[in-house]
Amino acid sequence: MTQHLAAPAAPATGTTGTHTGWWRDAVIYQVYPRSFADGNGDGMGDLEGIRSRLPYLKDLGVDAVWLSPFYASPQADAGYDVADYRAIDPMFGNLLDADALIREAHELGLRIIVDLVPNHSSDQHEWFQRALREGPGSPLRERYHFRKGKGADGELPPNDWESIFGGPAWTRVEDGEWYLHLFAPEQPDFNWEHPAVRDEFRSILRFWLDMGVDGFRVDVAHGLVKAAGLPDIGAHDQLKLLGNDVMPFFDQDGVHEIYRSWRKVLQEYDGERVLVAEAWTPTVERTANYVRPDEMHQAFNFQYLGTYWDAKELREVIDASLAAMRPVGAPTTWVLSNHDVTRHATRFANPAGLGTQLRTPGDRELGLRRARAATLLMLALPGSAYVYQGEELGLPDVTDLPDEVRQDPSFFRATGQDGFRDGCRVPIPWTVQGSSYGFGSGGSWLPQPATWGDLSVEAQTGDPGSTLELYRSALAVRREQPGLGAGDAVEWLEAPEGVLAFRRGAFVCHANTTGRPVRIAVPGRMLLASEQVRVSVDGTAELPADTTVWWAG
């Protein structure tokens, strides 16, 4: 039975961007619910656990919290297979828990963004189950992509599309028809040409807006519309093309009409509600299409996330990102880690060119030093920044999880993604000791390393050299320094090779991406540094290897 609750008021103060467009310079913290905090001791994170840790997020200094899916789901893909978009999965709580979470977040001045999964549903969704029962010709089948197969007896898939998780993007049902699933077979794709699908999702938007959420992160925002006729691609390895070319199932121009209609729904509500696109596109210019003035408010900058710790590459993607967003008047976003990629503390611990899913821990000390420097660089750039839970603790990926504990569906496919996303999803540590280092009283759904206690919130709090205190200091300076998060441009300064240097008003940032110390002229008073920096009486400073420094010019 659906519960209808009065909407809690959005925070009136407490965010960096409340003057106009709070999302333009907001720092948004991603919570992966099953791995953040366990409130009932069953080993799985939940809404009660998140609510209990909201004061920590307020103290950290973020402006908003993005919650990965918590909807009713069989959990074939960690909740990205939704069976009921208006219900909370019992493993996470119920609608009353969601209401309490939203209300308490707003009381603390934190905004709440929830994940929305519109490309596909669970195969246990009522629509899909009815479509299977009613058989070929059922009107419910038109809400998905059911097709007859090729071959003499329809034994071949309708086209050559491959699943992102590996293998064919089609599964055959008992009556002989096939259905499309760009991800796992348990995740059938909606047919967004059908008006009932469009009506349903506008209704879902209103349901959660009435609950008081401040916005939606739209999963696979680039995937809703498929090319007419579902044409073959013909490429030998389609997965290698993803992100490099416009595909018949991704980044079709028809998606923009959908988001224009969603923007109108959000405009019915007070409080500056926002849409954030997870849109994997070939170029930042195509990403900018999703954030035109009448569409979404933000789009994830995956080009930046995929850039290695290299001054030349970073400058190129920063310039391209700012230039692409400027014509549409949207803020650029910056992100280094999320629930789908190797944490940047591990990514930067390994050589360049290995991608964003790694199986090796690399040089832990080097990775952490670069991660700290990369964070200060990211937070110095104009626009909005995203922080993935645990990165403020300097957590690495857990690269030695036993096969028998893994749950990432792509791990169990013969081809496709490497299937090692579980490594960045291990529950985070809160205390030095305990069965799950303060995550909860009943252990954790993925095993935590024995060293986790040393990286916990408790161990790092109050330690001026810790990564946690670096994040707290950086977010405080970003909030206090006039205009640090706002704007759409940087003024590049002359700097030694391998060093990025830019000015933003009275603020200056230096980032040394090299493996050696570099001497620079001091541009003003030091605000913050990712490592210890020695300033000489002659007005110069030695910038250590892989270090970023903030200055007040």
Protein backbone atom coordinates (compact mmCIF):
# COMPACT_ATOMS: atom_id res chain seq x y z
CA MET A 1 0.00 0.00 0.00
CA THR A 2 1.43 3.39 -1.01
CA GLN A 3 1.95 5.92 1.77
CA HIS A 4 1.47 9.60 0.96
CA LEU A 5 3.49 11.92 3.15
CA ALA A 6 3.63 15.68 3.46
CA ALA A 7 6.69 17.07 1.70
CA PRO A 8 9.44 18.42 3.96
CA ALA A 9 10.62 21.89 3.12
CA ALA A 10 13.87 22.26 1.21
CA PRO A 11 16.70 23.95 3.09
CA ALA A 12 16.62 27.71 2.86
CA THR A 13 20.21 28.16 3.92
CA GLY A 14 23.37 26.21 4.36
CA THR A 15 24.46 25.56 0.78
CA THR A 16 27.10 27.40 -1.19
CA GLY A 17 24.74 28.25 -4.02
CA THR A 18 21.56 29.40 -2.29
CA HIS A 19 21.94 32.88 -3.81
CA THR A 20 21.00 31.55 -7.25
CA GLY A 21 21.09 28.05 -8.70
CA TRP A 22 22.44 26.15 -5.70
CA TRP A 23 23.61 23.31 -7.94
CA ARG A 24 26.00 25.56 -9.89
CA ASP A 25 28.78 25.36 -7.31
CA ALA A 26 27.49 22.62 -4.99
CA VAL A 27 29.62 19.80 -3.63
CA ILE A 28 27.44 16.68 -3.82
CA TYR A 29 28.25 13.54 -1.83
CA GLN A 30 27.28 10.18 -3.30
CA VAL A 31 25.92 7.65 -0.81
CA TYR A 32 25.82 4.03 -1.92
CA PRO A 33 23.14 2.93 0.57
CA ARG A 34 24.12 -0.69 1.06
CA SER A 35 27.70 0.30 1.96
CA PHE A 36 27.37 3.55 3.94
CA ALA A 37 25.91 2.68 7.35
CA ASP A 38 23.83 -0.20 8.72
CA GLY A 39 21.12 0.92 11.14
CA ASN A 40 19.53 -2.44 12.00
CA GLY A 41 22.54 -4.74 12.25
CA ASP A 42 21.76 -7.07 9.34
CA GLY A 43 25.07 -6.41 7.56
CA MET A 44 23.47 -4.26 4.86
CA GLY A 45 23.41 -0.46 4.83
CA ASP A 46 20.01 1.20 5.01
CA LEU A 47 18.13 4.50 5.25
CA GLU A 48 18.19 4.46 9.04
CA GLY A 49 21.96 4.16 8.94
CA ILE A 50 22.26 7.03 6.46
CA ARG A 51 20.02 9.23 8.60
CA SER A 52 22.20 8.57 11.66
CA ARG A 53 25.27 9.77 9.76
CA LEU A 54 23.81 12.97 8.30
CA PRO A 55 25.58 15.12 10.96
CA TYR A 56 28.87 13.68 9.69
CA LEU A 57 28.05 14.85 6.16
CA LYS A 58 27.04 18.27 7.45
CA ASP A 59 30.34 18.51 9.33
CA LEU A 60 32.25 17.36 6.25
CA GLY A 61 30.94 20.44 4.46
CA VAL A 62 29.00 19.07 1.50
CA ASP A 63 25.87 20.76 0.15
CA ALA A 64 23.80 17.83 -1.06
CA VAL A 65 23.57 14.05 -0.83
CA TRP A 66 22.91 11.82 -3.82
CA LEU A 67 21.43 8.44 -2.88
CA SER A 68 21.98 5.49 -5.18
CA PRO A 69 18.83 3.33 -5.68
CA PHE A 70 16.85 2.19 -2.65
CA TYR A 71 13.67 1.15 -4.50
CA ALA A 72 11.93 -2.22 -4.25
CA SER A 73 14.13 -4.53 -6.29
CA PRO A 74 15.24 -8.16 -6.62
CA GLN A 75 18.78 -6.71 -6.48
CA ALA A 76 20.01 -8.42 -9.63
CA ASP A 77 22.10 -5.28 -10.25
CA ALA A 78 22.38 -3.69 -6.81
CA GLY A 79 19.01 -1.97 -7.08
CA TYR A 80 19.36 -0.69 -10.64
CA ASP A 81 16.69 -3.26 -11.51
CA VAL A 82 13.60 -1.58 -10.10
CA ALA A 83 10.39 -3.53 -9.47
CA ASP A 84 8.43 -0.65 -7.88
CA TYR A 85 9.52 2.97 -8.28
CA ARG A 86 7.23 4.18 -5.49
CA ALA A 87 8.32 1.75 -2.78
CA ILE A 88 11.46 1.29 -0.68
CA ASP A 89 13.09 -2.12 -0.71
CA PRO A 90 12.64 -3.72 2.75
CA MET A 91 16.40 -4.22 2.98
CA PHE A 92 16.71 -0.41 3.16
CA GLY A 93 13.58 0.44 5.17
CA ASN A 94 10.26 1.95 4.14
CA LEU A 95 8.71 5.21 2.98
CA LEU A 96 8.53 6.54 6.53
CA ASP A 97 12.31 6.08 6.79
CA ALA A 98 12.74 7.97 3.52
CA ASP A 99 10.51 10.76 4.77
CA ALA A 100 12.52 11.05 8.00
CA LEU A 101 15.78 11.07 6.07
CA ILE A 102 14.65 13.85 3.75
CA ARG A 103 13.28 15.94 6.59
CA GLU A 104 16.39 15.64 8.79
CA ALA A 105 18.68 16.36 5.85
CA HIS A 106 16.77 19.57 5.15
CA GLU A 107 16.93 20.56 8.81
CA LEU A 108 20.72 20.27 8.55
CA GLY A 109 20.80 22.36 5.37
CA LEU A 110 21.52 19.35 3.15
CA ARG A 111 19.64 18.69 -0.07
CA ILE A 112 18.66 15.20 -1.23
CA ILE A 113 19.05 13.90 -4.80
CA VAL A 114 17.74 10.42 -5.57
CA ASP A 115 18.64 8.04 -8.35
CA LEU A 116 16.05 7.48 -11.07
CA VAL A 117 16.36 4.48 -13.39
CA PRO A 118 14.24 5.14 -16.50
CA ASN A 119 16.04 3.13 -19.18
CA HIS A 120 14.92 -0.24 -17.88
CA SER A 121 12.93 -1.89 -15.11
CA SER A 122 13.33 -5.16 -13.27
CA ASP A 123 11.95 -8.24 -14.98
CA GLN A 124 9.84 -8.52 -11.82
CA HIS A 125 8.12 -5.18 -12.52
CA GLU A 126 4.32 -5.62 -12.76
CA TRP A 127 4.25 -4.41 -16.37
CA PHE A 128 6.87 -6.89 -17.53
CA GLN A 129 5.33 -9.81 -15.64
CA ARG A 130 1.93 -9.09 -17.20
CA ALA A 131 3.57 -8.80 -20.62
CA LEU A 132 5.04 -12.29 -20.19
CA ARG A 133 1.75 -13.78 -18.99
CA GLU A 134 -0.38 -12.22 -21.72
CA GLY A 135 1.94 -13.32 -24.51
CA PRO A 136 2.56 -12.01 -28.05
CA GLY A 137 0.27 -9.18 -29.06
CA SER A 138 -0.27 -8.03 -25.48
CA PRO A 139 -0.45 -4.21 -25.19
CA LEU A 140 1.96 -4.50 -22.25
CA ARG A 141 4.64 -5.88 -24.55
CA GLU A 142 4.57 -2.59 -26.44
CA ARG A 143 5.92 -0.86 -23.32
CA TYR A 144 9.14 -2.84 -23.73
CA HIS A 145 11.05 -3.98 -26.84
CA PHE A 146 9.63 -7.41 -27.69
CA ARG A 147 10.50 -8.70 -31.16
CA LYS A 148 10.40 -11.86 -33.22
CA GLY A 149 13.80 -13.41 -33.81
CA LYS A 150 15.68 -13.97 -37.04
CA GLY A 151 16.32 -17.35 -38.64
CA ALA A 152 14.00 -20.04 -39.91
CA ASP A 153 12.38 -20.53 -36.51
CA GLY A 154 13.17 -17.17 -34.95
CA GLU A 155 16.04 -18.77 -33.09
CA LEU A 156 18.42 -15.84 -33.62
CA PRO A 157 18.28 -12.46 -31.80
CA PRO A 158 16.45 -9.65 -33.65
CA ASN A 159 19.70 -7.72 -34.16
CA ASP A 160 23.39 -7.83 -33.28
CA TRP A 161 23.36 -5.52 -30.24
CA GLU A 162 25.46 -6.58 -27.29
CA SER A 163 24.73 -6.11 -23.60
CA ILE A 164 26.93 -3.69 -21.66
CA PHE A 165 27.47 -6.57 -19.23
CA GLY A 166 28.54 -8.89 -22.06
CA GLY A 167 26.74 -11.29 -24.36
CA PRO A 168 23.68 -10.61 -26.53
CA ALA A 169 21.37 -7.74 -25.60
CA TRP A 170 18.38 -10.04 -26.21
CA THR A 171 16.78 -12.87 -24.26
CA ARG A 172 14.21 -15.27 -25.68
CA VAL A 173 11.07 -16.09 -23.68
CA GLU A 174 9.09 -19.34 -23.72
CA ASP A 175 6.64 -18.20 -26.41
CA GLY A 176 9.51 -17.54 -28.81
CA GLU A 177 9.72 -13.74 -28.75
CA TRP A 178 12.82 -11.88 -27.66
CA TYR A 179 13.12 -8.82 -25.42
CA LEU A 180 15.85 -6.17 -25.35
CA HIS A 181 18.05 -5.56 -22.33
CA LEU A 182 21.11 -3.37 -22.75
CA PHE A 183 22.27 -4.51 -19.33
CA ALA A 184 21.44 -7.75 -17.47
CA PRO A 185 18.61 -10.03 -18.69
CA GLU A 186 16.81 -9.08 -15.47
CA GLN A 187 16.70 -5.47 -16.73
CA PRO A 188 14.38 -5.21 -19.77
CA ASP A 189 14.54 -1.87 -21.57
CA PHE A 190 11.45 0.32 -21.67
CA ASN A 191 10.06 1.44 -25.04
CA TRP A 192 10.10 5.21 -24.65
CA GLU A 193 8.10 5.68 -27.83
CA HIS A 194 5.07 4.43 -25.89
CA PRO A 195 3.03 7.22 -24.25
CA ALA A 196 2.25 5.11 -21.18
CA VAL A 197 5.96 4.93 -20.34
CA ARG A 198 6.31 8.70 -20.60
CA ASP A 199 3.20 9.29 -18.49
CA GLU A 200 4.36 6.83 -15.84
CA PHE A 201 7.70 8.50 -15.32
CA ARG A 202 6.23 11.97 -15.06
CA SER A 203 4.03 10.51 -12.34
CA ILE A 204 7.05 8.95 -10.62
CA LEU A 205 8.84 12.31 -10.71
CA ARG A 206 5.88 13.98 -9.00
CA PHE A 207 5.68 11.23 -6.37
CA TRP A 208 9.24 11.87 -5.18
CA LEU A 209 9.02 15.64 -5.62
CA ASP A 210 5.95 15.54 -3.37
CA MET A 211 8.10 13.60 -0.88
CA GLY A 212 10.45 16.58 -0.87
CA VAL A 213 13.48 15.42 -2.83
CA ASP A 214 15.57 18.18 -4.38
CA GLY A 215 16.39 16.42 -7.61
CA PHE A 216 17.15 13.28 -9.58
CA ARG A 217 20.32 11.72 -10.87
CA VAL A 218 19.09 10.06 -14.06
CA ASP A 219 20.70 6.68 -14.69
CA VAL A 220 21.66 5.89 -18.31
CA ALA A 221 20.16 9.22 -19.37
CA HIS A 222 21.62 8.71 -22.84
CA GLY A 223 19.92 5.36 -23.40
CA LEU A 224 16.16 5.84 -23.35
CA VAL A 225 15.53 6.30 -27.07
CA LYS A 226 16.65 3.72 -29.62
CA ALA A 227 17.15 4.33 -33.33
CA ALA A 228 14.09 3.59 -35.47
CA GLY A 229 14.00 -0.01 -36.63
CA LEU A 230 16.68 -1.11 -34.12
CA PRO A 231 19.32 -1.43 -36.88
CA ASP A 232 22.34 -3.73 -36.70
CA ILE A 233 25.67 -2.17 -35.80
CA GLY A 234 27.93 -4.63 -37.57
CA ALA A 235 31.02 -3.92 -35.46
CA HIS A 236 33.02 -6.90 -34.27
CA ASP A 237 33.50 -5.53 -30.75
CA GLN A 238 30.73 -3.08 -29.93
CA LEU A 239 31.85 -2.59 -26.32
CA LYS A 240 35.05 -0.95 -27.51
CA LEU A 241 32.97 1.59 -29.41
CA LEU A 242 31.00 2.71 -26.36
CA GLY A 243 31.79 6.29 -25.45
CA ASN A 244 33.58 6.80 -28.76
CA ASP A 245 30.69 7.00 -31.20
CA VAL A 246 26.94 7.61 -31.30
CA MET A 247 25.32 4.18 -31.08
CA PRO A 248 21.80 3.25 -32.26
CA PHE A 249 20.87 2.56 -28.63
CA PHE A 250 22.73 5.46 -26.97
CA ASP A 251 22.72 9.26 -27.23
CA GLN A 252 19.87 9.47 -29.72
CA ASP A 253 18.52 12.98 -30.27
CA GLY A 254 15.03 11.90 -29.20
CA VAL A 255 16.01 11.77 -25.53
CA HIS A 256 16.03 15.55 -25.34
CA GLU A 257 12.29 15.87 -25.86
CA ILE A 258 11.81 13.65 -22.80
CA TYR A 259 14.01 15.82 -20.59
CA ARG A 260 12.32 19.00 -21.73
CA SER A 261 9.03 17.55 -20.52
CA TRP A 262 10.64 16.55 -17.20
CA ARG A 263 12.03 20.06 -16.73
CA LYS A 264 8.48 21.38 -16.95
CA VAL A 265 7.42 19.00 -14.18
CA LEU A 266 10.20 20.23 -11.90
CA GLN A 267 9.23 23.82 -12.58
CA GLU A 268 5.85 23.11 -10.99
CA TYR A 269 7.65 22.85 -7.62
CA ASP A 270 9.33 25.40 -5.39
CA GLY A 271 12.89 25.12 -4.16
CA GLU A 272 15.04 24.77 -7.30
CA ARG A 273 14.70 21.04 -7.98
CA VAL A 274 17.32 19.66 -10.38
CA LEU A 275 18.00 16.95 -12.95
CA VAL A 276 21.48 15.42 -13.28
CA ALA A 277 22.37 13.35 -16.33
CA GLU A 278 24.47 10.23 -16.29
CA ALA A 279 25.16 10.54 -19.99
CA TRP A 280 28.05 8.71 -21.58
CA THR A 281 28.65 10.50 -24.87
CA PRO A 282 31.48 10.59 -27.41
CA THR A 283 32.35 14.25 -26.68
CA VAL A 284 31.76 16.89 -24.03
CA GLU A 285 30.00 18.88 -26.74
CA ARG A 286 27.34 16.18 -27.02
CA THR A 287 27.14 16.00 -23.22
CA ALA A 288 26.32 19.72 -23.26
CA ASN A 289 23.14 18.93 -25.23
CA TYR A 290 21.67 17.42 -22.07
CA VAL A 291 22.04 20.64 -20.09
CA ARG A 292 20.58 23.20 -22.45
CA PRO A 293 18.47 25.79 -20.61
CA ASP A 294 15.19 23.87 -20.97
CA GLU A 295 16.58 20.40 -20.19
CA MET A 296 18.74 19.13 -17.32
CA HIS A 297 20.76 21.20 -14.87
CA GLN A 298 23.95 19.13 -14.68
CA ALA A 299 25.65 16.26 -16.51
CA PHE A 300 28.43 14.08 -15.18
CA ASN A 301 31.81 14.84 -16.70
CA PHE A 302 33.05 11.36 -17.49
CA GLN A 303 35.79 12.69 -19.74
CA TYR A 304 37.34 14.27 -16.64
CA LEU A 305 36.89 11.14 -14.53
CA GLY A 306 38.71 9.09 -17.15
CA THR A 307 41.69 11.45 -17.40
CA TYR A 308 44.98 10.29 -15.87
CA TRP A 309 47.10 12.33 -13.46
CA ASP A 310 48.92 14.23 -16.20
CA ALA A 311 49.11 18.02 -16.54
CA LYS A 312 48.74 18.16 -20.32
CA GLU A 313 45.76 15.78 -20.43
CA LEU A 314 44.07 17.47 -17.48
CA ARG A 315 44.41 20.94 -18.96
CA GLU A 316 42.95 19.76 -22.26
CA VAL A 317 39.87 18.19 -20.66
CA ILE A 318 39.36 21.14 -18.30
CA ASP A 319 39.45 23.59 -21.21
CA ALA A 320 37.18 21.40 -23.35
CA SER A 321 34.70 20.91 -20.51
CA LEU A 322 34.42 24.59 -19.67
CA ALA A 323 34.16 25.55 -23.33
CA ALA A 324 31.40 23.00 -24.01
CA MET A 325 29.21 24.09 -21.10
CA ARG A 326 29.66 27.84 -21.53
CA PRO A 327 27.37 28.25 -24.59
CA VAL A 328 24.46 26.48 -22.86
CA GLY A 329 24.98 28.32 -19.57
CA ALA A 330 25.35 25.14 -17.53
CA PRO A 331 27.92 24.53 -14.80
CA THR A 332 30.69 22.08 -15.48
CA THR A 333 30.83 19.13 -13.11
CA TRP A 334 33.92 17.37 -11.84
CA VAL A 335 34.16 13.86 -10.42
CA LEU A 336 37.00 11.47 -9.66
CA SER A 337 35.25 8.34 -8.33
CA ASN A 338 31.84 6.69 -8.17
CA HIS A 339 30.22 3.28 -7.59
CA ASP A 340 31.03 2.05 -11.12
CA VAL A 341 34.77 2.70 -11.37
CA THR A 342 37.96 2.02 -9.47
CA ARG A 343 38.52 4.58 -6.73
CA HIS A 344 41.00 7.22 -7.83
CA ALA A 345 43.35 6.40 -4.96
CA THR A 346 43.89 3.05 -6.69
CA ARG A 347 43.55 4.28 -10.27
CA PHE A 348 46.37 6.77 -9.78
CA ALA A 349 48.45 4.10 -8.00
CA ASN A 350 48.74 2.24 -11.29
CA PRO A 351 50.28 3.18 -14.66
CA ALA A 352 48.24 5.15 -17.15
CA GLY A 353 46.21 3.35 -19.77
CA LEU A 354 44.75 0.59 -17.59
CA GLY A 355 41.23 2.04 -17.62
CA THR A 356 38.83 2.67 -14.76
CA GLN A 357 38.43 -0.92 -13.53
CA LEU A 358 41.62 -2.41 -12.12
CA ARG A 359 42.59 -5.68 -10.49
CA THR A 360 45.84 -4.51 -8.92
CA PRO A 361 46.35 -2.30 -5.83
CA GLY A 362 49.41 -0.61 -7.36
CA ASP A 363 51.62 1.68 -5.29
CA ARG A 364 49.30 2.59 -2.38
CA GLU A 365 51.41 5.50 -1.09
CA LEU A 366 51.76 7.02 -4.55
CA GLY A 367 48.07 6.56 -5.27
CA LEU A 368 46.97 8.29 -2.08
CA ARG A 369 49.34 11.22 -2.61
CA ARG A 370 48.05 11.73 -6.14
CA ALA A 371 44.43 11.28 -5.02
CA ARG A 372 44.80 14.03 -2.40
CA ALA A 373 46.36 16.36 -4.96
CA ALA A 374 43.71 15.53 -7.56
CA THR A 375 40.97 16.32 -5.06
CA LEU A 376 42.32 19.79 -4.35
CA LEU A 377 42.63 20.41 -8.09
CA MET A 378 39.03 19.30 -8.67
CA LEU A 379 37.64 21.43 -5.84
CA ALA A 380 39.48 24.49 -7.18
CA LEU A 381 37.75 24.33 -10.57
CA PRO A 382 34.61 26.35 -11.38
CA GLY A 383 31.37 24.42 -11.20
CA SER A 384 29.97 21.57 -9.13
CA ALA A 385 31.98 18.69 -7.67
CA TYR A 386 30.95 15.15 -6.73
CA VAL A 387 32.50 13.17 -3.89
CA TYR A 388 32.01 9.40 -3.64
CA GLN A 389 31.58 8.00 -0.15
CA GLY A 390 34.87 6.96 1.42
CA GLU A 391 37.11 8.94 -0.90
CA GLU A 392 37.39 11.52 1.89
CA LEU A 393 39.06 8.73 3.88
CA GLY A 394 41.49 7.97 1.07
CA LEU A 395 40.00 4.50 0.67
CA PRO A 396 41.54 2.32 -2.04
CA ASP A 397 39.66 -0.28 -4.04
CA VAL A 398 39.59 -3.72 -2.46
CA THR A 399 41.24 -5.71 -5.22
CA ASP A 400 41.50 -9.11 -3.50
CA LEU A 401 37.85 -9.96 -2.82
CA PRO A 402 37.26 -13.71 -3.09
CA ASP A 403 35.19 -14.73 -6.10
CA GLU A 404 32.56 -16.33 -3.88
CA VAL A 405 31.59 -13.00 -2.25
CA ARG A 406 31.30 -10.94 -5.43
CA GLN A 407 27.88 -9.65 -6.46
CA ASP A 408 28.53 -7.45 -9.50
CA PRO A 409 26.44 -9.03 -12.29
CA SER A 410 29.07 -8.25 -14.90
CA PHE A 411 31.52 -10.45 -12.97
CA PHE A 412 29.44 -13.50 -13.86
CA ARG A 413 29.32 -12.79 -17.59
CA ALA A 414 31.84 -14.35 -19.96
CA THR A 415 32.56 -11.05 -21.69
CA GLY A 416 31.87 -7.36 -21.25
CA GLN A 417 32.96 -5.28 -18.29
CA ASP A 418 35.72 -6.66 -16.08
CA GLY A 419 33.18 -7.17 -13.32
CA PHE A 420 35.25 -5.70 -10.53
CA ARG A 421 32.94 -2.92 -9.38
CA ASP A 422 32.53 -4.65 -6.01
CA GLY A 423 35.98 -3.36 -5.08
CA CYS A 424 34.75 0.23 -4.75
CA ARG A 425 31.53 -0.82 -2.98
CA VAL A 426 32.98 -2.38 0.17
CA PRO A 427 31.29 -0.83 3.26
CA ILE A 428 33.21 2.15 4.62
CA PRO A 429 34.84 2.17 8.09
CA TRP A 430 33.64 4.48 10.84
CA THR A 431 35.56 3.24 13.91
CA VAL A 432 39.00 1.83 14.61
CA GLN A 433 37.64 -1.43 16.01
CA GLY A 434 34.51 -3.55 15.76
CA SER A 435 33.22 -6.39 13.62
CA SER A 436 32.63 -4.02 10.72
CA TYR A 437 34.58 -0.97 11.89
CA GLY A 438 31.41 0.85 12.93
CA PHE A 439 29.49 0.13 9.75
CA GLY A 440 26.98 -1.84 11.81
CA SER A 441 26.63 -4.42 14.55
CA GLY A 442 26.09 -7.38 12.21
CA GLY A 443 29.16 -7.47 9.99
CA SER A 444 29.16 -6.27 6.37
CA TRP A 445 27.79 -7.68 3.14
CA LEU A 446 31.24 -7.49 1.53
CA PRO A 447 34.33 -8.27 3.65
CA GLN A 448 36.41 -5.29 4.74
CA PRO A 449 40.24 -5.43 4.78
CA ALA A 450 41.99 -5.88 8.11
CA THR A 451 43.58 -2.43 7.66
CA TRP A 452 40.20 -0.67 7.37
CA GLY A 453 40.25 0.53 10.99
CA ASP A 454 43.35 2.65 10.37
CA LEU A 455 41.45 4.48 7.62
CA SER A 456 38.24 4.98 9.61
CA VAL A 457 36.52 8.26 10.40
CA GLU A 458 37.46 7.79 14.06
CA ALA A 459 41.15 7.24 13.27
CA GLN A 460 41.40 10.27 10.98
CA THR A 461 39.29 12.79 12.87
CA GLY A 462 41.50 15.40 14.50
CA ASP A 463 44.66 14.27 12.68
CA PRO A 464 45.77 17.35 10.69
CA GLY A 465 47.65 15.20 8.20
CA SER A 466 44.74 12.86 7.46
CA THR A 467 42.84 12.77 4.21
CA LEU A 468 39.55 13.31 6.06
CA GLU A 469 40.78 16.55 7.61
CA LEU A 470 42.13 17.63 4.22
CA TYR A 471 38.64 17.25 2.75
CA ARG A 472 37.05 19.09 5.67
CA SER A 473 39.53 21.94 5.32
CA ALA A 474 39.18 22.10 1.54
CA LEU A 475 35.39 22.25 1.67
CA ALA A 476 35.52 24.93 4.36
CA VAL A 477 37.93 27.06 2.30
CA ARG A 478 35.84 26.51 -0.83
CA ARG A 479 32.79 27.75 1.04
CA GLU A 480 34.55 30.77 2.57
CA GLN A 481 36.69 31.87 -0.38
CA PRO A 482 34.61 34.31 -2.47
CA GLY A 483 33.54 32.85 -5.81
CA LEU A 484 35.74 29.77 -5.58
CA GLY A 485 33.09 27.35 -6.76
CA ALA A 486 31.26 29.69 -9.10
CA GLY A 487 32.15 30.85 -12.59
CA ASP A 488 32.89 29.17 -15.91
CA ALA A 489 36.56 29.92 -16.66
CA VAL A 490 40.10 29.79 -15.32
CA GLU A 491 43.06 32.03 -16.14
CA TRP A 492 46.02 29.77 -16.90
CA LEU A 493 49.38 30.95 -15.59
CA GLU A 494 52.91 30.20 -16.73
CA ALA A 495 54.27 27.17 -14.89
CA PRO A 496 57.07 24.58 -15.15
CA GLU A 497 56.42 21.55 -17.31
CA GLY A 498 54.10 19.10 -15.60
CA VAL A 499 52.58 21.77 -13.35
CA LEU A 500 49.08 23.20 -13.73
CA ALA A 501 48.70 26.78 -12.52
CA PHE A 502 45.61 28.95 -12.77
CA ARG A 503 44.08 32.02 -11.20
CA ARG A 504 40.47 32.66 -10.31
CA GLY A 505 40.20 36.21 -9.03
CA ALA A 506 42.38 36.43 -5.94
CA PHE A 507 42.72 32.64 -5.75
CA VAL A 508 45.61 30.69 -7.30
CA CYS A 509 46.06 26.93 -7.62
CA HIS A 510 49.25 25.02 -8.41
CA ALA A 511 49.14 21.26 -9.12
CA ASN A 512 52.41 19.41 -9.62
CA THR A 513 51.63 16.19 -11.51
CA THR A 514 55.28 15.18 -11.83
CA GLY A 515 57.18 12.72 -9.68
CA ARG A 516 59.75 15.31 -8.62
CA PRO A 517 59.80 18.53 -6.59
CA VAL A 518 59.34 21.75 -8.56
CA ARG A 519 60.23 25.27 -7.44
CA ILE A 520 57.66 28.01 -8.06
CA ALA A 521 57.22 31.68 -7.21
CA VAL A 522 54.87 32.17 -4.28
CA PRO A 523 51.76 34.05 -5.51
CA GLY A 524 50.38 34.88 -2.06
CA ARG A 525 49.37 33.40 1.28
CA MET A 526 49.11 29.63 1.40
CA LEU A 527 45.57 28.47 2.10
CA LEU A 528 45.92 24.71 1.88
CA ALA A 529 48.20 22.03 0.47
CA SER A 530 47.78 18.31 -0.12
CA GLU A 531 51.31 17.70 1.23
CA GLN A 532 53.75 19.78 3.28
CA VAL A 533 55.17 22.68 1.28
CA ARG A 534 58.26 24.66 2.25
CA VAL A 535 58.16 28.38 1.50
CA SER A 536 61.56 30.12 1.31
CA VAL A 537 62.44 33.65 2.39
CA ASP A 538 63.23 34.50 -1.24
CA GLY A 539 59.53 34.27 -2.16
CA THR A 540 59.70 30.82 -3.75
CA ALA A 541 58.37 27.47 -2.64
CA GLU A 542 59.32 23.90 -3.34
CA LEU A 543 56.23 22.08 -4.55
CA PRO A 544 56.67 18.36 -3.74
CA ALA A 545 55.93 15.65 -6.26
CA ASP A 546 52.22 15.02 -6.85
CA THR A 547 51.06 17.94 -4.73
CA THR A 548 48.43 20.67 -5.12
CA VAL A 549 48.54 24.00 -3.28
CA TRP A 550 45.90 26.71 -2.88
CA TRP A 551 46.98 30.33 -2.47
CA ALA A 552 45.21 33.58 -1.66
CA GLY A 553 46.77 36.02 -4.13
